[in-house]
């Protein structure tokens, strides 16, 4: 590996955006990503959105995976039908699907499908980006009070006990430290059920099938 990245310090992950969908563009984007990171491989490479020529991207990622340049490949924001269609149309199974998941949007049906294919779920936006009064929610606050924990810590603990990997995000040092302090308590079955009952069965951040969302996301351009 090139000297720019110390392997023991990081888990190397990147994503293919819509503008780079397709076989050739994904290969070029991958090479640029390696150049930017000063490395010669990635641990995980993901298709960021189920838009554009993501079939072409997946074929490119399969080749890079077989060549040993990527340790695992996966997707983001793929709902059950698109995920299964991708699986049935290709040879390499996605290792991961990163999806919006939090107490208000628990993706229970998608999780059943992913369990069938042994695909790991990763929750992005576990705190709903602070929307819908998540940090002041009475149910989460009441559960947390029994353990001297915040609603955010309760959410992370719930996701961990559900077997879901989670990506919490904060720019505040104290919040980042707080997010790590979730291994010293265990939610009871009744508490887990109370949180499961909060599910609205609808997304709150990314409406992947909305035409407005399709137009909006296609207009976003990134420079590497």
C-alpha atoms as a PDB file:
ATOM      1  CA  UNK A   1       0.000   0.000   0.000  1.00  0.00           C
ATOM      2  CA  UNK A   2       1.181   3.548  -0.683  1.00  0.00           C
ATOM      3  CA  UNK A   3       2.611   5.522   2.192  1.00  0.00           C
ATOM      4  CA  UNK A   4      -0.175   8.137   2.385  1.00  0.00           C
ATOM      5  CA  UNK A   5      -2.558   5.929   4.406  1.00  0.00           C
ATOM      6  CA  UNK A   6      -1.692   3.956   7.542  1.00  0.00           C
ATOM      7  CA  UNK A   7      -3.775   0.780   7.251  1.00  0.00           C
ATOM      8  CA  UNK A   8      -4.261   0.288  10.969  1.00  0.00           C
ATOM      9  CA  UNK A   9      -5.715   3.782  11.358  1.00  0.00           C
ATOM     10  CA  UNK A  10      -8.622   3.741   8.920  1.00  0.00           C
ATOM     11  CA  UNK A  11     -11.253   1.667   7.148  1.00  0.00           C
ATOM     12  CA  UNK A  12     -11.144   2.820   3.532  1.00  0.00           C
ATOM     13  CA  UNK A  13     -14.633   3.386   2.095  1.00  0.00           C
ATOM     14  CA  UNK A  14     -15.834   5.329  -0.923  1.00  0.00           C
ATOM     15  CA  UNK A  15     -18.955   5.614  -3.079  1.00  0.00           C
ATOM     16  CA  UNK A  16     -19.914   5.886  -6.732  1.00  0.00           C
ATOM     17  CA  UNK A  17     -22.131   8.928  -7.286  1.00  0.00           C
ATOM     18  CA  UNK A  18     -24.760   9.185 -10.055  1.00  0.00           C
ATOM     19  CA  UNK A  19     -22.478  11.228 -12.329  1.00  0.00           C
ATOM     20  CA  UNK A  20     -19.970   8.359 -12.320  1.00  0.00           C
ATOM     21  CA  UNK A  21     -22.482   5.565 -12.943  1.00  0.00           C
ATOM     22  CA  UNK A  22     -21.586   3.143 -15.716  1.00  0.00           C
ATOM     23  CA  UNK A  23     -18.727   0.724 -16.240  1.00  0.00           C
ATOM     24  CA  UNK A  24     -16.008   2.985 -17.644  1.00  0.00           C
ATOM     25  CA  UNK A  25     -16.849   6.016 -15.521  1.00  0.00           C
ATOM     26  CA  UNK A  26     -16.859   3.890 -12.361  1.00  0.00           C
ATOM     27  CA  UNK A  27     -13.398   2.547 -13.189  1.00  0.00           C
ATOM     28  CA  UNK A  28     -12.108   6.091 -13.750  1.00  0.00           C
ATOM     29  CA  UNK A  29     -13.744   7.320 -10.555  1.00  0.00           C
ATOM     30  CA  UNK A  30     -12.240   4.429  -8.614  1.00  0.00           C
ATOM     31  CA  UNK A  31      -8.735   5.215  -9.876  1.00  0.00           C
ATOM     32  CA  UNK A  32      -9.188   8.882  -8.959  1.00  0.00           C
ATOM     33  CA  UNK A  33     -10.374   7.881  -5.497  1.00  0.00           C
ATOM     34  CA  UNK A  34      -7.245   5.767  -4.958  1.00  0.00           C
ATOM     35  CA  UNK A  35      -5.122   8.704  -6.086  1.00  0.00           C
ATOM     36  CA  UNK A  36      -6.890  11.066  -3.702  1.00  0.00           C
ATOM     37  CA  UNK A  37      -6.553   8.655  -0.772  1.00  0.00           C
ATOM     38  CA  UNK A  38      -2.974   7.686  -1.690  1.00  0.00           C
ATOM     39  CA  UNK A  39      -3.752   4.004  -1.465  1.00  0.00           C
ATOM     40  CA  UNK A  40      -3.944   1.065  -3.853  1.00  0.00           C
ATOM     41  CA  UNK A  41      -7.173  -0.561  -2.615  1.00  0.00           C
ATOM     42  CA  UNK A  42     -10.418   0.089  -0.747  1.00  0.00           C
ATOM     43  CA  UNK A  43     -12.004  -1.912   2.041  1.00  0.00           C
ATOM     44  CA  UNK A  44     -15.520  -1.117   0.838  1.00  0.00           C
ATOM     45  CA  UNK A  45     -16.894   0.471  -2.350  1.00  0.00           C
ATOM     46  CA  UNK A  46     -20.573   1.395  -2.588  1.00  0.00           C
ATOM     47  CA  UNK A  47     -23.069   2.562  -5.209  1.00  0.00           C
ATOM     48  CA  UNK A  48     -24.522   5.670  -3.584  1.00  0.00           C
ATOM     49  CA  UNK A  49     -27.910   5.823  -5.340  1.00  0.00           C
ATOM     50  CA  UNK A  50     -30.064   3.403  -7.381  1.00  0.00           C
ATOM     51  CA  UNK A  51     -30.093   5.864 -10.292  1.00  0.00           C
ATOM     52  CA  UNK A  52     -28.291   6.023 -13.630  1.00  0.00           C
ATOM     53  CA  UNK A  53     -26.379   3.066 -15.054  1.00  0.00           C
ATOM     54  CA  UNK A  54     -25.761   1.371 -11.740  1.00  0.00           C
ATOM     55  CA  UNK A  55     -25.723  -2.014 -13.503  1.00  0.00           C
ATOM     56  CA  UNK A  56     -22.612  -0.885 -15.353  1.00  0.00           C
ATOM     57  CA  UNK A  57     -21.140   0.351 -12.087  1.00  0.00           C
ATOM     58  CA  UNK A  58     -21.816  -2.976 -10.421  1.00  0.00           C
ATOM     59  CA  UNK A  59     -20.079  -4.917 -13.219  1.00  0.00           C
ATOM     60  CA  UNK A  60     -17.042  -2.646 -12.838  1.00  0.00           C
ATOM     61  CA  UNK A  61     -17.076  -3.138  -9.082  1.00  0.00           C
ATOM     62  CA  UNK A  62     -17.334  -6.925  -9.511  1.00  0.00           C
ATOM     63  CA  UNK A  63     -14.171  -6.831 -11.638  1.00  0.00           C
ATOM     64  CA  UNK A  64     -12.319  -4.652  -9.141  1.00  0.00           C
ATOM     65  CA  UNK A  65     -13.441  -7.002  -6.368  1.00  0.00           C
ATOM     66  CA  UNK A  66     -12.217 -10.091  -8.242  1.00  0.00           C
ATOM     67  CA  UNK A  67      -8.934  -8.336  -8.962  1.00  0.00           C
ATOM     68  CA  UNK A  68      -8.442  -7.842  -5.209  1.00  0.00           C
ATOM     69  CA  UNK A  69      -8.532  -4.063  -5.399  1.00  0.00           C
ATOM     70  CA  UNK A  70     -11.686  -3.867  -3.259  1.00  0.00           C
ATOM     71  CA  UNK A  71     -12.293  -6.062  -0.214  1.00  0.00           C
ATOM     72  CA  UNK A  72     -16.102  -5.794  -0.383  1.00  0.00           C
ATOM     73  CA  UNK A  73     -18.737  -4.079  -2.525  1.00  0.00           C
ATOM     74  CA  UNK A  74     -22.212  -2.880  -1.664  1.00  0.00           C
ATOM     75  CA  UNK A  75     -24.960  -0.333  -2.215  1.00  0.00           C
ATOM     76  CA  UNK A  76     -26.788   2.534  -0.548  1.00  0.00           C
ATOM     77  CA  UNK A  77     -30.475   3.432  -0.583  1.00  0.00           C
ATOM     78  CA  UNK A  78     -31.591   0.307  -2.462  1.00  0.00           C
ATOM     79  CA  UNK A  79     -35.127  -0.713  -1.612  1.00  0.00           C
ATOM     80  CA  UNK A  80     -36.110  -4.377  -1.710  1.00  0.00           C
ATOM     81  CA  UNK A  81     -37.150  -4.643  -5.366  1.00  0.00           C
ATOM     82  CA  UNK A  82     -34.057  -2.926  -6.740  1.00  0.00           C
ATOM     83  CA  UNK A  83     -31.808  -4.829  -4.371  1.00  0.00           C
ATOM     84  CA  UNK A  84     -33.186  -8.240  -5.369  1.00  0.00           C
ATOM     85  CA  UNK A  85     -33.126  -7.327  -9.063  1.00  0.00           C
ATOM     86  CA  UNK A  86     -29.434  -6.395  -8.732  1.00  0.00           C
ATOM     87  CA  UNK A  87     -28.729  -9.690  -6.970  1.00  0.00           C
ATOM     88  CA  UNK A  88     -30.545 -11.823  -9.557  1.00  0.00           C
ATOM     89  CA  UNK A  89     -28.849 -10.027 -12.458  1.00  0.00           C
ATOM     90  CA  UNK A  90     -25.250 -10.308 -11.250  1.00  0.00           C
ATOM     91  CA  UNK A  91     -22.797 -12.727  -9.673  1.00  0.00           C
ATOM     92  CA  UNK A  92     -21.337 -10.969  -6.622  1.00  0.00           C
ATOM     93  CA  UNK A  93     -23.710 -10.424  -3.714  1.00  0.00           C
ATOM     94  CA  UNK A  94     -23.734  -6.942  -2.114  1.00  0.00           C
ATOM     95  CA  UNK A  95     -22.085  -7.112   1.281  1.00  0.00           C
ATOM     96  CA  UNK A  96     -23.782  -3.977   2.605  1.00  0.00           C
ATOM     97  CA  UNK A  97     -26.830  -1.797   2.022  1.00  0.00           C
ATOM     98  CA  UNK A  98     -26.654   1.615   3.698  1.00  0.00           C
ATOM     99  CA  UNK A  99     -30.187   2.870   4.211  1.00  0.00           C
ATOM    100  CA  UNK A 100     -32.137   5.506   6.122  1.00  0.00           C
ATOM    101  CA  UNK A 101     -33.096   3.866   9.382  1.00  0.00           C
ATOM    102  CA  UNK A 102     -34.051   5.312  12.759  1.00  0.00           C
ATOM    103  CA  UNK A 103     -36.889   4.806  15.267  1.00  0.00           C
ATOM    104  CA  UNK A 104     -39.393   6.536  12.942  1.00  0.00           C
ATOM    105  CA  UNK A 105     -38.316   4.569   9.841  1.00  0.00           C
ATOM    106  CA  UNK A 106     -37.274   1.026  10.710  1.00  0.00           C
ATOM    107  CA  UNK A 107     -37.281  -0.625   7.244  1.00  0.00           C
ATOM    108  CA  UNK A 108     -38.693  -3.871   8.647  1.00  0.00           C
ATOM    109  CA  UNK A 109     -39.690  -5.423   5.311  1.00  0.00           C
ATOM    110  CA  UNK A 110     -36.378  -4.531   3.689  1.00  0.00           C
ATOM    111  CA  UNK A 111     -34.544  -6.022   6.645  1.00  0.00           C
ATOM    112  CA  UNK A 112     -36.331  -9.342   6.102  1.00  0.00           C
ATOM    113  CA  UNK A 113     -35.187  -9.429   2.487  1.00  0.00           C
ATOM    114  CA  UNK A 114     -31.625  -8.556   3.433  1.00  0.00           C
ATOM    115  CA  UNK A 115     -31.579 -11.304   6.043  1.00  0.00           C
ATOM    116  CA  UNK A 116     -32.597 -13.797   3.325  1.00  0.00           C
ATOM    117  CA  UNK A 117     -29.495 -12.877   1.325  1.00  0.00           C
ATOM    118  CA  UNK A 118     -27.178 -12.314   4.303  1.00  0.00           C
ATOM    119  CA  UNK A 119     -26.609  -8.649   3.438  1.00  0.00           C
ATOM    120  CA  UNK A 120     -25.519  -6.361   6.264  1.00  0.00           C
ATOM    121  CA  UNK A 121     -27.615  -3.263   6.931  1.00  0.00           C
ATOM    122  CA  UNK A 122     -25.965   0.015   7.874  1.00  0.00           C
ATOM    123  CA  UNK A 123     -28.072   2.845   9.267  1.00  0.00           C
ATOM    124  CA  UNK A 124     -27.322   6.348   8.084  1.00  0.00           C
ATOM    125  CA  UNK A 125     -29.052   9.303   9.733  1.00  0.00           C
ATOM    126  CA  UNK A 126     -29.896   7.293  12.882  1.00  0.00           C
ATOM    127  CA  UNK A 127     -30.878  10.567  14.588  1.00  0.00           C
ATOM    128  CA  UNK A 128     -33.153  11.711  11.703  1.00  0.00           C
ATOM    129  CA  UNK A 129     -30.746  14.639  11.301  1.00  0.00           C
ATOM    130  CA  UNK A 130     -32.298  16.059  14.478  1.00  0.00           C
ATOM    131  CA  UNK A 131     -35.785  16.289  12.952  1.00  0.00           C
ATOM    132  CA  UNK A 132     -39.196  15.420  14.406  1.00  0.00           C
ATOM    133  CA  UNK A 133     -38.105  16.214  17.956  1.00  0.00           C
ATOM    134  CA  UNK A 134     -36.048  13.018  18.132  1.00  0.00           C
ATOM    135  CA  UNK A 135     -33.808  14.290  20.934  1.00  0.00           C
ATOM    136  CA  UNK A 136     -36.826  15.361  23.013  1.00  0.00           C
ATOM    137  CA  UNK A 137     -38.919  12.258  22.343  1.00  0.00           C
ATOM    138  CA  UNK A 138     -40.714  11.176  25.514  1.00  0.00           C
ATOM    139  CA  UNK A 139     -40.316   7.437  24.914  1.00  0.00           C
ATOM    140  CA  UNK A 140     -36.582   7.652  24.261  1.00  0.00           C
ATOM    141  CA  UNK A 141     -36.032  10.078  27.138  1.00  0.00           C
ATOM    142  CA  UNK A 142     -37.916   7.832  29.581  1.00  0.00           C
ATOM    143  CA  UNK A 143     -35.924   4.775  28.534  1.00  0.00           C
ATOM    144  CA  UNK A 144     -32.662   6.694  28.755  1.00  0.00           C
ATOM    145  CA  UNK A 145     -33.401   8.046  32.224  1.00  0.00           C
ATOM    146  CA  UNK A 146     -33.251   4.511  33.656  1.00  0.00           C
ATOM    147  CA  UNK A 147     -29.651   4.188  32.488  1.00  0.00           C
ATOM    148  CA  UNK A 148     -28.550   7.829  32.747  1.00  0.00           C
ATOM    149  CA  UNK A 149     -28.314   7.914  28.964  1.00  0.00           C
ATOM    150  CA  UNK A 150     -29.466  10.404  26.339  1.00  0.00           C
ATOM    151  CA  UNK A 151     -32.072   9.659  23.640  1.00  0.00           C
ATOM    152  CA  UNK A 152     -29.211   9.550  21.113  1.00  0.00           C
ATOM    153  CA  UNK A 153     -27.425   6.869  23.129  1.00  0.00           C
ATOM    154  CA  UNK A 154     -30.664   4.898  23.446  1.00  0.00           C
ATOM    155  CA  UNK A 155     -31.098   4.978  19.659  1.00  0.00           C
ATOM    156  CA  UNK A 156     -27.560   3.721  19.075  1.00  0.00           C
ATOM    157  CA  UNK A 157     -28.010   0.965  21.650  1.00  0.00           C
ATOM    158  CA  UNK A 158     -31.319  -0.066  20.043  1.00  0.00           C
ATOM    159  CA  UNK A 159     -29.716  -0.295  16.595  1.00  0.00           C
ATOM    160  CA  UNK A 160     -26.797  -2.335  17.919  1.00  0.00           C
ATOM    161  CA  UNK A 161     -29.149  -4.776  19.646  1.00  0.00           C
ATOM    162  CA  UNK A 162     -31.171  -5.016  16.418  1.00  0.00           C
ATOM    163  CA  UNK A 163     -27.960  -6.173  14.710  1.00  0.00           C
ATOM    164  CA  UNK A 164     -27.690  -3.049  12.560  1.00  0.00           C
ATOM    165  CA  UNK A 165     -24.397  -1.276  11.962  1.00  0.00           C
ATOM    166  CA  UNK A 166     -24.740   2.449  12.498  1.00  0.00           C
ATOM    167  CA  UNK A 167     -23.035   5.642  11.326  1.00  0.00           C
ATOM    168  CA  UNK A 168     -23.717   8.450  13.839  1.00  0.00           C
ATOM    169  CA  UNK A 169     -22.630  11.905  12.756  1.00  0.00           C
ATOM    170  CA  UNK A 170     -21.678  14.969  14.759  1.00  0.00           C
ATOM    171  CA  UNK A 171     -19.283  17.899  14.531  1.00  0.00           C
ATOM    172  CA  UNK A 172     -19.197  18.331  18.320  1.00  0.00           C
ATOM    173  CA  UNK A 173     -16.452  16.549  20.252  1.00  0.00           C
ATOM    174  CA  UNK A 174     -18.637  15.888  23.293  1.00  0.00           C
ATOM    175  CA  UNK A 175     -21.353  14.335  21.136  1.00  0.00           C
ATOM    176  CA  UNK A 176     -18.837  12.158  19.314  1.00  0.00           C
ATOM    177  CA  UNK A 177     -17.505  10.929  22.657  1.00  0.00           C
ATOM    178  CA  UNK A 178     -21.062  10.383  23.890  1.00  0.00           C
ATOM    179  CA  UNK A 179     -21.834   8.252  20.829  1.00  0.00           C
ATOM    180  CA  UNK A 180     -19.080   5.827  21.813  1.00  0.00           C
ATOM    181  CA  UNK A 181     -20.488   5.351  25.319  1.00  0.00           C
ATOM    182  CA  UNK A 182     -23.204   2.822  24.478  1.00  0.00           C
ATOM    183  CA  UNK A 183     -21.617  -0.488  25.424  1.00  0.00           C
ATOM    184  CA  UNK A 184     -22.173  -0.224  29.177  1.00  0.00           C
ATOM    185  CA  UNK A 185     -25.931  -0.856  29.195  1.00  0.00           C
ATOM    186  CA  UNK A 186     -28.462  -3.220  27.634  1.00  0.00           C
ATOM    187  CA  UNK A 187     -32.049  -2.410  26.684  1.00  0.00           C
ATOM    188  CA  UNK A 188     -34.697  -4.765  28.034  1.00  0.00           C
ATOM    189  CA  UNK A 189     -37.021  -6.598  25.641  1.00  0.00           C
ATOM    190  CA  UNK A 190     -39.940  -4.365  26.657  1.00  0.00           C
ATOM    191  CA  UNK A 191     -37.870  -1.254  25.932  1.00  0.00           C
ATOM    192  CA  UNK A 192     -36.868  -2.618  22.542  1.00  0.00           C
ATOM    193  CA  UNK A 193     -40.547  -3.177  21.757  1.00  0.00           C
ATOM    194  CA  UNK A 194     -41.466   0.378  22.765  1.00  0.00           C
ATOM    195  CA  UNK A 195     -38.975   1.710  20.248  1.00  0.00           C
ATOM    196  CA  UNK A 196     -40.169  -0.717  17.570  1.00  0.00           C
ATOM    197  CA  UNK A 197     -43.672   0.677  18.103  1.00  0.00           C
ATOM    198  CA  UNK A 198     -42.415   4.141  17.095  1.00  0.00           C
ATOM    199  CA  UNK A 199     -42.095   3.049  13.463  1.00  0.00           C
ATOM    200  CA  UNK A 200     -44.102   5.169  10.994  1.00  0.00           C
ATOM    201  CA  UNK A 201     -43.141   2.857   8.071  1.00  0.00           C
ATOM    202  CA  UNK A 202     -42.095   5.882   6.036  1.00  0.00           C
ATOM    203  CA  UNK A 203     -38.867   7.717   5.246  1.00  0.00           C
ATOM    204  CA  UNK A 204     -38.328  11.231   6.553  1.00  0.00           C
ATOM    205  CA  UNK A 205     -35.137  12.310   4.792  1.00  0.00           C
ATOM    206  CA  UNK A 206     -34.760  10.591   1.430  1.00  0.00           C
ATOM    207  CA  UNK A 207     -37.828   9.702  -0.649  1.00  0.00           C
ATOM    208  CA  UNK A 208     -35.960   7.557  -3.153  1.00  0.00           C
ATOM    209  CA  UNK A 209     -38.977   7.034  -5.444  1.00  0.00           C
ATOM    210  CA  UNK A 210     -40.099  10.670  -5.533  1.00  0.00           C
ATOM    211  CA  UNK A 211     -39.688  12.354  -8.924  1.00  0.00           C
ATOM    212  CA  UNK A 212     -38.622  15.558  -7.194  1.00  0.00           C
ATOM    213  CA  UNK A 213     -35.891  13.594  -5.426  1.00  0.00           C
ATOM    214  CA  UNK A 214     -34.721  12.023  -8.677  1.00  0.00           C
ATOM    215  CA  UNK A 215     -34.394  15.431 -10.337  1.00  0.00           C
ATOM    216  CA  UNK A 216     -32.697  16.944  -7.293  1.00  0.00           C
ATOM    217  CA  UNK A 217     -30.116  14.212  -6.905  1.00  0.00           C
ATOM    218  CA  UNK A 218     -29.268  14.088 -10.600  1.00  0.00           C
ATOM    219  CA  UNK A 219     -28.463  17.798 -10.469  1.00  0.00           C
ATOM    220  CA  UNK A 220     -25.866  17.356  -7.707  1.00  0.00           C
ATOM    221  CA  UNK A 221     -22.330  17.173  -9.069  1.00  0.00           C
ATOM    222  CA  UNK A 222     -19.168  16.301  -7.184  1.00  0.00           C
ATOM    223  CA  UNK A 223     -15.559  17.008  -8.069  1.00  0.00           C
ATOM    224  CA  UNK A 224     -12.859  14.582  -7.019  1.00  0.00           C
END
